[in-house]
Amino acid sequence: MTAQPELSGKVALVTGASRGIGYGIAEALVARGDRVCITGRNEDALKEAVEALGADRVIGVAGKAHDEAHQAVAVEATMEAFGRVDFLVNNAGTNPVFGPIAELDLNVARKVFETNVVSALGFAQQTWRAWQSENGGAIVNIASVAGLSASPFIGAYGISKAAMISLTLQLAHEFAPMVRVNSIAPAVVKTKFAQALYEGREAEAAAAYPLARLGVPSDIGGAAAFLTSDQSDWITGQTLVVDGGIFLNAGVG
């Protein structure tokens, strides 16, 4: 059996972490010795993730990210279990629609913004009040390369991720110097969430990337671990693009 790393003394809350990118981030933080609270909508999947990550260091709180009551309960549970919440990673997100923005149902657009942007603000407010305003820490928002350029057929998602990047700037300005706030903008990462973008054509999709592969959750986990580490102590208000080099092809016919 692999020995558990020594505890770092730090605690993180990672939203939308029962699988995919969120799970990869939680895994990276646990691997360096952090204790972690993960959230997710599906209680059974959350329990499985907690067991896999290590129930002695990880707790799970089930609920919908945009629910203010859930946000409060998740932060309270983290404080009760671990006594602090140094890091917040806003990963929870949704993209329930594909198609041209001219035909976008506005109720769907509202749902996307509630889950992808407003929930991140809510969690940031909660962790600020509970611990970070007096003790410091870091926030990492998971944005997307879709928020950095036009994104055909996922327009609502792209607009929400652009808003997430803007939220990062605003929080970084207002929460300084106590809390550093940065975002990560991944390209396509191999998760169930992004499956529609590569399923049945992964080799073709990967061929567009200079590094010749799609991302995996640990790629984003490593970036989040860096942005919540002492090595990034002089970095705030930035968006780290983790894209396998795909933007290098911009403008190439």
Protein backbone atom coordinates (compact mmCIF):
# COMPACT_ATOMS: atom_id res chain seq x y z
CA MET A 1 0.00 0.00 0.00
CA THR A 2 1.16 3.52 -0.76
CA ALA A 3 1.83 5.54 2.38
CA GLN A 4 -0.37 8.57 2.91
CA PRO A 5 1.49 11.89 2.55
CA GLU A 6 1.99 13.93 5.69
CA LEU A 7 -0.79 16.40 6.34
CA SER A 8 -0.05 19.86 4.96
CA GLY A 9 -2.22 21.62 7.50
CA LYS A 10 -4.24 23.16 4.65
CA VAL A 11 -7.86 22.54 3.73
CA ALA A 12 -9.63 22.89 0.38
CA LEU A 13 -13.22 22.90 -0.80
CA VAL A 14 -13.65 21.67 -4.38
CA THR A 15 -17.07 21.94 -6.00
CA GLY A 16 -18.36 19.47 -8.59
CA ALA A 17 -15.71 16.95 -7.61
CA SER A 18 -17.35 13.52 -7.61
CA ARG A 19 -15.79 12.86 -11.03
CA GLY A 20 -13.91 14.43 -13.93
CA ILE A 21 -11.84 17.59 -13.53
CA GLY A 22 -13.07 18.24 -9.99
CA TYR A 23 -12.07 14.76 -8.88
CA GLY A 24 -8.67 15.18 -10.53
CA ILE A 25 -8.15 18.41 -8.61
CA ALA A 26 -9.22 16.88 -5.30
CA GLU A 27 -6.89 13.95 -5.97
CA ALA A 28 -3.93 16.29 -6.54
CA LEU A 29 -4.63 18.23 -3.34
CA VAL A 30 -5.02 15.09 -1.24
CA ALA A 31 -1.78 13.73 -2.73
CA ARG A 32 0.16 16.70 -1.37
CA GLY A 33 -1.39 16.33 2.08
CA ASP A 34 -4.39 18.67 2.07
CA ARG A 35 -7.69 17.71 3.63
CA VAL A 36 -10.57 18.30 1.24
CA CYS A 37 -14.33 18.75 1.14
CA ILE A 38 -15.85 17.79 -2.21
CA THR A 39 -19.33 18.59 -3.44
CA GLY A 40 -21.56 17.12 -6.12
CA ARG A 41 -25.20 16.57 -7.00
CA ASN A 42 -25.24 12.77 -6.83
CA GLU A 43 -24.86 11.51 -3.26
CA ASP A 44 -23.89 7.97 -4.26
CA ALA A 45 -21.19 9.15 -6.67
CA LEU A 46 -19.94 11.53 -4.00
CA LYS A 47 -19.66 8.74 -1.45
CA GLU A 48 -17.69 6.62 -3.91
CA ALA A 49 -15.33 9.52 -4.58
CA VAL A 50 -14.78 10.10 -0.85
CA GLU A 51 -13.92 6.44 -0.33
CA ALA A 52 -11.55 6.44 -3.28
CA LEU A 53 -9.80 9.62 -2.17
CA GLY A 54 -9.61 8.54 1.48
CA ALA A 55 -12.41 9.01 3.99
CA ASP A 56 -9.87 9.91 6.68
CA ARG A 57 -8.99 13.10 4.79
CA VAL A 58 -11.99 13.84 2.59
CA ILE A 59 -15.64 14.62 3.27
CA GLY A 60 -18.47 15.04 0.79
CA VAL A 61 -21.49 17.35 0.84
CA ALA A 62 -24.21 16.63 -1.70
CA GLY A 63 -26.26 19.40 -3.27
CA LYS A 64 -26.74 21.70 -6.23
CA ALA A 65 -24.00 24.28 -6.67
CA HIS A 66 -26.38 27.17 -7.32
CA ASP A 67 -28.37 26.51 -4.12
CA GLU A 68 -27.34 29.11 -1.55
CA ALA A 69 -28.33 26.81 1.31
CA HIS A 70 -26.04 24.11 -0.09
CA GLN A 71 -23.18 26.59 -0.39
CA ALA A 72 -23.57 27.53 3.28
CA VAL A 73 -23.83 23.91 4.41
CA ALA A 74 -20.72 22.89 2.43
CA VAL A 75 -18.61 25.66 3.97
CA GLU A 76 -20.00 25.00 7.45
CA ALA A 77 -19.29 21.27 7.12
CA THR A 78 -15.72 22.01 6.03
CA MET A 79 -15.17 24.29 9.00
CA GLU A 80 -16.71 21.77 11.41
CA ALA A 81 -14.68 18.85 10.07
CA PHE A 82 -11.32 20.57 9.55
CA GLY A 83 -11.47 23.94 11.32
CA ARG A 84 -10.50 26.03 8.28
CA VAL A 85 -10.96 26.46 4.54
CA ASP A 86 -7.79 27.80 2.94
CA PHE A 87 -8.58 27.05 -0.69
CA LEU A 88 -11.73 27.16 -2.78
CA VAL A 89 -11.83 25.60 -6.23
CA ASN A 90 -14.99 26.53 -8.15
CA ASN A 91 -15.30 23.67 -10.61
CA ALA A 92 -19.04 22.93 -10.69
CA GLY A 93 -20.49 23.65 -14.10
CA THR A 94 -23.10 22.69 -16.64
CA ASN A 95 -23.60 22.82 -20.39
CA PRO A 96 -27.06 21.41 -21.12
CA VAL A 97 -27.45 22.71 -24.68
CA PHE A 98 -25.66 22.57 -28.04
CA GLY A 99 -26.69 24.76 -30.93
CA PRO A 100 -26.65 28.30 -32.34
CA ILE A 101 -27.09 31.09 -29.84
CA ALA A 102 -29.88 32.62 -31.92
CA GLU A 103 -32.06 29.66 -30.92
CA LEU A 104 -30.95 29.52 -27.27
CA ASP A 105 -33.76 29.15 -24.73
CA LEU A 106 -33.27 32.02 -22.30
CA ASN A 107 -34.31 29.85 -19.36
CA VAL A 108 -31.46 27.50 -20.26
CA ALA A 109 -29.11 30.48 -20.43
CA ARG A 110 -30.20 31.50 -16.94
CA LYS A 111 -29.53 27.98 -15.65
CA VAL A 112 -26.04 27.98 -17.19
CA PHE A 113 -25.17 31.30 -15.55
CA GLU A 114 -26.66 30.29 -12.20
CA THR A 115 -24.56 27.13 -12.09
CA ASN A 116 -21.37 28.30 -13.78
CA VAL A 117 -21.01 31.86 -12.49
CA VAL A 118 -23.41 32.83 -9.71
CA SER A 119 -22.62 29.69 -7.73
CA ALA A 120 -18.90 30.50 -7.89
CA LEU A 121 -19.58 33.96 -6.49
CA GLY A 122 -21.73 32.45 -3.75
CA PHE A 123 -19.06 29.98 -2.68
CA ALA A 124 -16.42 32.74 -2.75
CA GLN A 125 -18.58 34.90 -0.48
CA GLN A 126 -19.10 32.01 1.92
CA THR A 127 -15.43 31.03 2.21
CA TRP A 128 -14.44 34.70 2.54
CA ARG A 129 -16.76 35.18 5.51
CA ALA A 130 -15.97 31.85 7.15
CA TRP A 131 -12.16 31.95 7.03
CA GLN A 132 -10.31 33.68 4.24
CA SER A 133 -11.03 37.34 5.06
CA GLU A 134 -9.03 37.07 8.29
CA ASN A 135 -6.70 34.17 7.52
CA GLY A 136 -5.96 34.38 3.80
CA GLY A 137 -5.93 31.66 1.19
CA ALA A 138 -6.54 31.19 -2.51
CA ILE A 139 -9.42 30.70 -4.92
CA VAL A 140 -9.18 28.93 -8.27
CA ASN A 141 -12.04 29.25 -10.75
CA ILE A 142 -12.28 26.66 -13.51
CA ALA A 143 -13.04 28.60 -16.68
CA SER A 144 -12.47 27.32 -20.23
CA VAL A 145 -10.82 28.23 -23.50
CA ALA A 146 -14.43 28.62 -24.63
CA GLY A 147 -14.43 31.83 -22.60
CA LEU A 148 -11.49 33.25 -24.53
CA SER A 149 -12.89 33.13 -28.05
CA ALA A 150 -16.08 32.45 -29.97
CA SER A 151 -17.37 28.95 -29.26
CA PRO A 152 -19.74 27.67 -31.96
CA PHE A 153 -22.60 25.51 -30.65
CA ILE A 154 -21.62 26.02 -26.98
CA GLY A 155 -22.19 29.77 -26.91
CA ALA A 156 -23.97 29.95 -23.55
CA TYR A 157 -21.23 27.91 -21.93
CA GLY A 158 -18.53 30.07 -23.51
CA ILE A 159 -20.18 33.31 -22.41
CA SER A 160 -20.53 31.97 -18.87
CA LYS A 161 -16.84 31.04 -18.80
CA ALA A 162 -15.89 34.51 -20.04
CA ALA A 163 -17.93 35.82 -17.11
CA MET A 164 -16.02 33.44 -14.82
CA ILE A 165 -12.75 34.99 -16.00
CA SER A 166 -14.15 38.48 -15.33
CA LEU A 167 -15.35 37.32 -11.90
CA THR A 168 -11.80 36.13 -11.22
CA LEU A 169 -10.45 39.60 -11.94
CA GLN A 170 -13.02 41.28 -9.74
CA LEU A 171 -12.49 38.90 -6.81
CA ALA A 172 -8.71 39.17 -7.15
CA HIS A 173 -8.97 42.94 -6.91
CA GLU A 174 -11.41 43.02 -3.99
CA PHE A 175 -9.98 40.12 -1.97
CA ALA A 176 -6.35 41.27 -2.16
CA PRO A 177 -4.04 41.12 -0.31
CA MET A 178 -5.56 38.35 1.85
CA VAL A 179 -6.71 36.02 -0.91
CA ARG A 180 -5.21 35.29 -4.30
CA VAL A 181 -7.75 34.52 -7.03
CA ASN A 182 -6.87 32.93 -10.36
CA SER A 183 -8.60 30.87 -13.02
CA ILE A 184 -7.69 27.93 -15.23
CA ALA A 185 -8.93 27.74 -18.82
CA PRO A 186 -8.73 24.14 -20.06
CA ALA A 187 -9.31 22.98 -23.60
CA VAL A 188 -11.04 19.62 -24.11
CA VAL A 189 -10.39 17.28 -21.19
CA LYS A 190 -11.42 13.62 -21.37
CA THR A 191 -14.36 13.53 -18.99
CA LYS A 192 -17.99 12.48 -19.19
CA PHE A 193 -18.89 16.19 -19.20
CA ALA A 194 -16.97 16.81 -22.44
CA GLN A 195 -17.65 13.45 -24.09
CA ALA A 196 -19.83 14.89 -26.83
CA LEU A 197 -16.84 16.89 -28.10
CA TYR A 198 -14.67 13.85 -28.85
CA GLU A 199 -16.64 10.61 -28.51
CA GLY A 200 -16.12 8.38 -31.53
CA ARG A 201 -13.51 10.75 -32.98
CA GLU A 202 -10.86 11.12 -30.29
CA ALA A 203 -7.90 10.59 -32.65
CA GLU A 204 -9.26 13.23 -35.01
CA ALA A 205 -9.91 15.66 -32.15
CA ALA A 206 -6.46 15.07 -30.64
CA ALA A 207 -4.74 15.64 -33.99
CA ALA A 208 -5.63 19.34 -33.78
CA TYR A 209 -3.50 19.72 -30.65
CA PRO A 210 0.25 20.39 -31.01
CA LEU A 211 0.84 18.07 -28.02
CA ALA A 212 -1.13 15.38 -29.89
CA ARG A 213 -3.56 14.43 -27.15
CA LEU A 214 -6.61 15.65 -25.29
CA GLY A 215 -6.31 16.70 -21.69
CA VAL A 216 -6.94 14.44 -18.70
CA PRO A 217 -8.17 15.51 -15.24
CA SER A 218 -4.71 15.27 -13.69
CA ASP A 219 -3.49 17.99 -16.09
CA ILE A 220 -5.91 20.41 -14.46
CA GLY A 221 -5.27 18.96 -11.00
CA GLY A 222 -1.59 19.83 -11.31
CA ALA A 223 -2.40 23.38 -12.38
CA ALA A 224 -4.81 23.86 -9.48
CA ALA A 225 -2.27 22.46 -7.03
CA PHE A 226 0.26 25.00 -8.30
CA LEU A 227 -2.14 27.94 -8.04
CA THR A 228 -2.94 27.01 -4.42
CA SER A 229 0.71 26.51 -3.46
CA ASP A 230 3.41 28.76 -2.02
CA GLN A 231 5.11 28.68 -5.44
CA SER A 232 2.33 30.92 -6.78
CA ASP A 233 2.33 33.41 -3.92
CA TRP A 234 2.87 36.40 -6.25
CA ILE A 235 0.25 35.43 -8.79
CA THR A 236 -3.30 36.76 -8.68
CA GLY A 237 -5.94 37.82 -11.20
CA GLN A 238 -4.49 35.57 -13.91
CA THR A 239 -5.99 32.95 -16.22
CA LEU A 240 -3.74 29.96 -16.80
CA VAL A 241 -4.52 28.40 -20.18
CA VAL A 242 -4.03 24.63 -20.09
CA ASP A 243 -4.81 23.64 -23.64
CA GLY A 244 -2.23 21.23 -25.10
CA GLY A 245 -1.17 24.08 -27.38
CA ILE A 246 -4.45 24.31 -29.29
CA PHE A 247 -4.36 28.12 -29.32
CA LEU A 248 -1.09 27.95 -31.24
CA ASN A 249 -3.20 26.96 -34.24
CA ALA A 250 -5.39 30.06 -34.08
CA GLY A 251 -5.62 31.72 -37.45
CA VAL A 252 -3.91 28.91 -39.32
CA GLY A 253 -5.89 27.83 -42.34
